[in-house]
Amino acid sequence: MADKTMLKIKQVKSEIGYNQKQRATLRGLGLRRMQQIVEVEDTAAVRGMINKVSHLVAVLEGEKNA
């Protein structure tokens, strides 16, 4: 089985004042509050979600896991 690359995503800006789709995207990534960091698998779907809310999140790093 191939190694999975993981991404660490941090919410750096509040979801208040943004539309429901952007709030739902944050929830889909697993982010619930400011400064929270989640680790998700690096897939095309996750990259698209990050791109939609790039003004609210920061990608910290990627690392290989077996």
C-alpha atoms as a PDB file:
ATOM      1  CA  MET A   1       0.000   0.000   0.000  1.00  0.00           C
ATOM      2  CA  ALA A   2       1.277   3.466  -0.873  1.00  0.00           C
ATOM      3  CA  ASP A   3       2.280   6.015   1.751  1.00  0.00           C
ATOM      4  CA  LYS A   4      -0.375   8.584   2.546  1.00  0.00           C
ATOM      5  CA  THR A   5       0.518  12.256   2.643  1.00  0.00           C
ATOM      6  CA  MET A   6      -1.206  14.168   5.408  1.00  0.00           C
ATOM      7  CA  LEU A   7      -1.884  17.907   5.584  1.00  0.00           C
ATOM      8  CA  LYS A   8      -2.182  19.987   8.739  1.00  0.00           C
ATOM      9  CA  ILE A   9      -4.775  22.716   8.356  1.00  0.00           C
ATOM     10  CA  LYS A  10      -5.313  25.552  10.826  1.00  0.00           C
ATOM     11  CA  GLN A  11      -8.320  27.882  10.931  1.00  0.00           C
ATOM     12  CA  VAL A  12      -6.879  31.395  11.166  1.00  0.00           C
ATOM     13  CA  LYS A  13      -9.992  33.518  10.588  1.00  0.00           C
ATOM     14  CA  SER A  14     -13.548  33.342  11.924  1.00  0.00           C
ATOM     15  CA  GLU A  15     -16.380  31.953   9.817  1.00  0.00           C
ATOM     16  CA  ILE A  16     -18.689  34.731  11.024  1.00  0.00           C
ATOM     17  CA  GLY A  17     -19.886  36.873   8.150  1.00  0.00           C
ATOM     18  CA  TYR A  18     -19.325  34.235   5.457  1.00  0.00           C
ATOM     19  CA  ASN A  19     -22.009  32.267   3.652  1.00  0.00           C
ATOM     20  CA  GLN A  20     -23.335  28.838   4.619  1.00  0.00           C
ATOM     21  CA  LYS A  21     -21.369  26.994   1.918  1.00  0.00           C
ATOM     22  CA  GLN A  22     -18.070  28.269   3.277  1.00  0.00           C
ATOM     23  CA  ARG A  23     -19.102  27.408   6.839  1.00  0.00           C
ATOM     24  CA  ALA A  24     -20.080  23.919   5.693  1.00  0.00           C
ATOM     25  CA  THR A  25     -16.721  23.516   3.952  1.00  0.00           C
ATOM     26  CA  LEU A  26     -14.907  24.345   7.197  1.00  0.00           C
ATOM     27  CA  ARG A  27     -17.031  21.770   9.030  1.00  0.00           C
ATOM     28  CA  GLY A  28     -16.297  19.231   6.291  1.00  0.00           C
ATOM     29  CA  LEU A  29     -12.590  19.738   6.896  1.00  0.00           C
ATOM     30  CA  GLY A  30     -13.174  19.110  10.599  1.00  0.00           C
ATOM     31  CA  LEU A  31     -12.603  22.680  11.755  1.00  0.00           C
ATOM     32  CA  ARG A  32     -14.895  23.903  14.528  1.00  0.00           C
ATOM     33  CA  ARG A  33     -13.137  26.916  16.073  1.00  0.00           C
ATOM     34  CA  MET A  34     -10.364  29.455  15.586  1.00  0.00           C
ATOM     35  CA  GLN A  35      -6.745  28.295  15.905  1.00  0.00           C
ATOM     36  CA  GLN A  36      -7.817  24.631  15.742  1.00  0.00           C
ATOM     37  CA  ILE A  37      -5.469  22.341  13.809  1.00  0.00           C
ATOM     38  CA  VAL A  38      -6.690  19.208  12.044  1.00  0.00           C
ATOM     39  CA  GLU A  39      -4.762  16.590  10.105  1.00  0.00           C
ATOM     40  CA  VAL A  40      -6.415  15.340   6.906  1.00  0.00           C
ATOM     41  CA  GLU A  41      -5.340  13.105   4.057  1.00  0.00           C
ATOM     42  CA  ASP A  42      -4.001  14.911   0.983  1.00  0.00           C
ATOM     43  CA  THR A  43      -6.570  14.192  -1.736  1.00  0.00           C
ATOM     44  CA  ALA A  44      -7.938  16.175  -4.652  1.00  0.00           C
ATOM     45  CA  ALA A  45     -11.249  16.670  -2.817  1.00  0.00           C
ATOM     46  CA  VAL A  46      -9.532  18.070   0.275  1.00  0.00           C
ATOM     47  CA  ARG A  47      -7.344  20.347  -1.868  1.00  0.00           C
ATOM     48  CA  GLY A  48     -10.505  21.714  -3.513  1.00  0.00           C
ATOM     49  CA  MET A  49     -12.094  22.355  -0.118  1.00  0.00           C
ATOM     50  CA  ILE A  50      -8.967  24.173   1.063  1.00  0.00           C
ATOM     51  CA  ASN A  51      -9.014  26.263  -2.106  1.00  0.00           C
ATOM     52  CA  LYS A  52     -12.637  27.327  -1.442  1.00  0.00           C
ATOM     53  CA  VAL A  53     -11.820  28.620   2.055  1.00  0.00           C
ATOM     54  CA  SER A  54      -8.176  29.604   1.546  1.00  0.00           C
ATOM     55  CA  HIS A  55      -8.885  33.043   3.060  1.00  0.00           C
ATOM     56  CA  LEU A  56      -9.946  31.371   6.336  1.00  0.00           C
ATOM     57  CA  VAL A  57      -7.332  28.616   6.726  1.00  0.00           C
ATOM     58  CA  ALA A  58      -3.587  28.044   6.548  1.00  0.00           C
ATOM     59  CA  VAL A  59      -1.862  24.826   5.486  1.00  0.00           C
ATOM     60  CA  LEU A  60       0.969  24.233   7.947  1.00  0.00           C
ATOM     61  CA  GLU A  61       2.850  21.250   6.533  1.00  0.00           C
ATOM     62  CA  GLY A  62       2.638  17.869   4.867  1.00  0.00           C
ATOM     63  CA  GLU A  63       4.316  14.709   6.056  1.00  0.00           C
ATOM     64  CA  LYS A  64       4.478  11.075   4.914  1.00  0.00           C
ATOM     65  CA  ASN A  65       2.821   8.381   7.035  1.00  0.00           C
ATOM     66  CA  ALA A  66       2.911   4.640   6.431  1.00  0.00           C
END
